[in-house]
């Protein structure tokens, strides 16, 4: 009985991971994403993208840590005026996910 319950739990978890239900939040919900970069938004075309700020969050299996916010990325590079924002995700089968926010500006 215990063996059947463990097999059922493992099957449910595998199905959730492969369906993208436990993959980091962002534009990419694919279970097998090696590396992908997506545009988020264009804010101000009058600002020169002379600096790049990066903030990231990581997760291993179901445990995530980090601050991947736009504010954190801007603070990391001393950006006060934002030109545009990109989102980059590296995913290894939903087990290890590195989710980056890249902010360009002055």
C-alpha atoms as a PDB file:
ATOM      1  CA  UNK A   1       0.000   0.000   0.000  1.00  0.00           C
ATOM      2  CA  UNK A   2       2.763   2.441   0.923  1.00  0.00           C
ATOM      3  CA  UNK A   3       4.626   1.577  -2.268  1.00  0.00           C
ATOM      4  CA  UNK A   4       1.525   2.370  -4.361  1.00  0.00           C
ATOM      5  CA  UNK A   5       1.070   5.699  -2.570  1.00  0.00           C
ATOM      6  CA  UNK A   6       4.722   6.626  -3.148  1.00  0.00           C
ATOM      7  CA  UNK A   7       4.452   5.718  -6.842  1.00  0.00           C
ATOM      8  CA  UNK A   8       1.269   7.785  -7.153  1.00  0.00           C
ATOM      9  CA  UNK A   9       2.881  10.785  -5.444  1.00  0.00           C
ATOM     10  CA  UNK A  10       5.978  10.519  -7.649  1.00  0.00           C
ATOM     11  CA  UNK A  11       3.810  10.288 -10.771  1.00  0.00           C
ATOM     12  CA  UNK A  12       1.752  13.318  -9.738  1.00  0.00           C
ATOM     13  CA  UNK A  13       4.890  15.364  -9.033  1.00  0.00           C
ATOM     14  CA  UNK A  14       6.452  14.368 -12.361  1.00  0.00           C
ATOM     15  CA  UNK A  15       3.269  15.318 -14.212  1.00  0.00           C
ATOM     16  CA  UNK A  16       3.156  18.706 -12.467  1.00  0.00           C
ATOM     17  CA  UNK A  17       6.811  19.406 -13.267  1.00  0.00           C
ATOM     18  CA  UNK A  18       6.485  18.392 -16.904  1.00  0.00           C
ATOM     19  CA  UNK A  19       3.312  20.424 -17.359  1.00  0.00           C
ATOM     20  CA  UNK A  20       5.100  23.585 -16.196  1.00  0.00           C
ATOM     21  CA  UNK A  21       3.081  23.995 -12.982  1.00  0.00           C
ATOM     22  CA  UNK A  22       6.148  24.258 -10.740  1.00  0.00           C
ATOM     23  CA  UNK A  23       8.436  26.221 -13.035  1.00  0.00           C
ATOM     24  CA  UNK A  24       9.526  29.728 -12.037  1.00  0.00           C
ATOM     25  CA  UNK A  25       7.171  32.589 -12.774  1.00  0.00           C
ATOM     26  CA  UNK A  26       7.959  34.506 -15.939  1.00  0.00           C
ATOM     27  CA  UNK A  27       7.256  34.440 -19.658  1.00  0.00           C
ATOM     28  CA  UNK A  28       8.646  30.940 -20.196  1.00  0.00           C
ATOM     29  CA  UNK A  29       6.633  27.995 -18.928  1.00  0.00           C
ATOM     30  CA  UNK A  30       8.319  25.240 -20.901  1.00  0.00           C
ATOM     31  CA  UNK A  31       9.603  22.247 -18.923  1.00  0.00           C
ATOM     32  CA  UNK A  32      12.700  21.922 -21.112  1.00  0.00           C
ATOM     33  CA  UNK A  33      14.000  25.472 -21.570  1.00  0.00           C
ATOM     34  CA  UNK A  34      17.765  25.619 -21.690  1.00  0.00           C
ATOM     35  CA  UNK A  35      18.160  29.370 -22.045  1.00  0.00           C
ATOM     36  CA  UNK A  36      15.677  31.923 -23.288  1.00  0.00           C
ATOM     37  CA  UNK A  37      15.471  35.721 -23.228  1.00  0.00           C
ATOM     38  CA  UNK A  38      12.182  37.591 -23.534  1.00  0.00           C
ATOM     39  CA  UNK A  39      11.445  41.330 -23.741  1.00  0.00           C
ATOM     40  CA  UNK A  40       9.303  42.650 -20.914  1.00  0.00           C
ATOM     41  CA  UNK A  41       8.591  46.264 -21.783  1.00  0.00           C
ATOM     42  CA  UNK A  42       9.939  49.433 -23.344  1.00  0.00           C
ATOM     43  CA  UNK A  43       9.655  52.305 -20.920  1.00  0.00           C
ATOM     44  CA  UNK A  44      11.426  55.388 -22.260  1.00  0.00           C
ATOM     45  CA  UNK A  45      13.184  55.704 -25.617  1.00  0.00           C
ATOM     46  CA  UNK A  46      14.715  59.057 -24.639  1.00  0.00           C
ATOM     47  CA  UNK A  47      16.954  57.315 -22.077  1.00  0.00           C
ATOM     48  CA  UNK A  48      20.264  55.844 -23.258  1.00  0.00           C
ATOM     49  CA  UNK A  49      20.832  52.197 -22.270  1.00  0.00           C
ATOM     50  CA  UNK A  50      24.357  52.853 -20.986  1.00  0.00           C
ATOM     51  CA  UNK A  51      24.077  50.639 -17.864  1.00  0.00           C
ATOM     52  CA  UNK A  52      22.736  47.134 -17.267  1.00  0.00           C
ATOM     53  CA  UNK A  53      21.430  45.995 -13.901  1.00  0.00           C
ATOM     54  CA  UNK A  54      20.828  42.316 -13.192  1.00  0.00           C
ATOM     55  CA  UNK A  55      18.731  40.771 -10.437  1.00  0.00           C
ATOM     56  CA  UNK A  56      18.089  37.064 -10.184  1.00  0.00           C
ATOM     57  CA  UNK A  57      16.246  34.419  -8.271  1.00  0.00           C
ATOM     58  CA  UNK A  58      17.040  30.704  -8.267  1.00  0.00           C
ATOM     59  CA  UNK A  59      15.116  27.606  -7.401  1.00  0.00           C
ATOM     60  CA  UNK A  60      16.159  24.021  -6.921  1.00  0.00           C
ATOM     61  CA  UNK A  61      13.270  21.552  -7.073  1.00  0.00           C
ATOM     62  CA  UNK A  62      10.576  23.380  -5.035  1.00  0.00           C
ATOM     63  CA  UNK A  63      12.764  25.779  -3.012  1.00  0.00           C
ATOM     64  CA  UNK A  64      13.349  29.256  -4.401  1.00  0.00           C
ATOM     65  CA  UNK A  65      15.392  32.198  -3.148  1.00  0.00           C
ATOM     66  CA  UNK A  66      16.422  35.617  -4.382  1.00  0.00           C
ATOM     67  CA  UNK A  67      15.068  38.980  -5.476  1.00  0.00           C
ATOM     68  CA  UNK A  68      14.525  39.134  -9.223  1.00  0.00           C
ATOM     69  CA  UNK A  69      12.560  42.381  -9.177  1.00  0.00           C
ATOM     70  CA  UNK A  70      12.972  45.314 -11.533  1.00  0.00           C
ATOM     71  CA  UNK A  71      13.754  47.543  -8.549  1.00  0.00           C
ATOM     72  CA  UNK A  72      16.583  45.250  -7.378  1.00  0.00           C
ATOM     73  CA  UNK A  73      18.106  45.138 -10.870  1.00  0.00           C
ATOM     74  CA  UNK A  74      17.978  48.943 -11.183  1.00  0.00           C
ATOM     75  CA  UNK A  75      19.527  49.381  -7.707  1.00  0.00           C
ATOM     76  CA  UNK A  76      22.339  46.927  -8.508  1.00  0.00           C
ATOM     77  CA  UNK A  77      23.543  49.133 -11.376  1.00  0.00           C
ATOM     78  CA  UNK A  78      22.579  52.522  -9.945  1.00  0.00           C
ATOM     79  CA  UNK A  79      19.964  53.045 -12.655  1.00  0.00           C
ATOM     80  CA  UNK A  80      17.474  55.847 -12.045  1.00  0.00           C
ATOM     81  CA  UNK A  81      15.988  56.130 -15.555  1.00  0.00           C
ATOM     82  CA  UNK A  82      14.891  52.913 -17.271  1.00  0.00           C
ATOM     83  CA  UNK A  83      15.151  52.421 -21.037  1.00  0.00           C
ATOM     84  CA  UNK A  84      13.890  48.827 -21.283  1.00  0.00           C
ATOM     85  CA  UNK A  85      13.687  45.541 -19.408  1.00  0.00           C
ATOM     86  CA  UNK A  86      14.464  41.966 -20.486  1.00  0.00           C
ATOM     87  CA  UNK A  87      13.719  38.679 -18.782  1.00  0.00           C
ATOM     88  CA  UNK A  88      16.068  35.694 -19.064  1.00  0.00           C
ATOM     89  CA  UNK A  89      15.399  32.195 -17.805  1.00  0.00           C
ATOM     90  CA  UNK A  90      17.636  29.129 -17.635  1.00  0.00           C
ATOM     91  CA  UNK A  91      15.776  25.956 -16.788  1.00  0.00           C
ATOM     92  CA  UNK A  92      16.980  22.383 -16.431  1.00  0.00           C
ATOM     93  CA  UNK A  93      13.892  20.151 -16.516  1.00  0.00           C
ATOM     94  CA  UNK A  94      12.163  22.275 -13.881  1.00  0.00           C
ATOM     95  CA  UNK A  95      14.662  21.065 -11.295  1.00  0.00           C
ATOM     96  CA  UNK A  96      17.089  24.000 -11.412  1.00  0.00           C
ATOM     97  CA  UNK A  97      15.753  27.360 -12.583  1.00  0.00           C
ATOM     98  CA  UNK A  98      17.677  30.647 -12.768  1.00  0.00           C
ATOM     99  CA  UNK A  99      15.371  33.578 -13.479  1.00  0.00           C
ATOM    100  CA  UNK A 100      17.043  36.931 -14.292  1.00  0.00           C
ATOM    101  CA  UNK A 101      15.658  40.434 -14.762  1.00  0.00           C
ATOM    102  CA  UNK A 102      17.870  42.736 -16.843  1.00  0.00           C
ATOM    103  CA  UNK A 103      17.228  46.478 -16.627  1.00  0.00           C
ATOM    104  CA  UNK A 104      18.854  48.852 -19.140  1.00  0.00           C
ATOM    105  CA  UNK A 105      19.105  52.590 -18.523  1.00  0.00           C
ATOM    106  CA  UNK A 106      21.036  55.508 -17.076  1.00  0.00           C
END
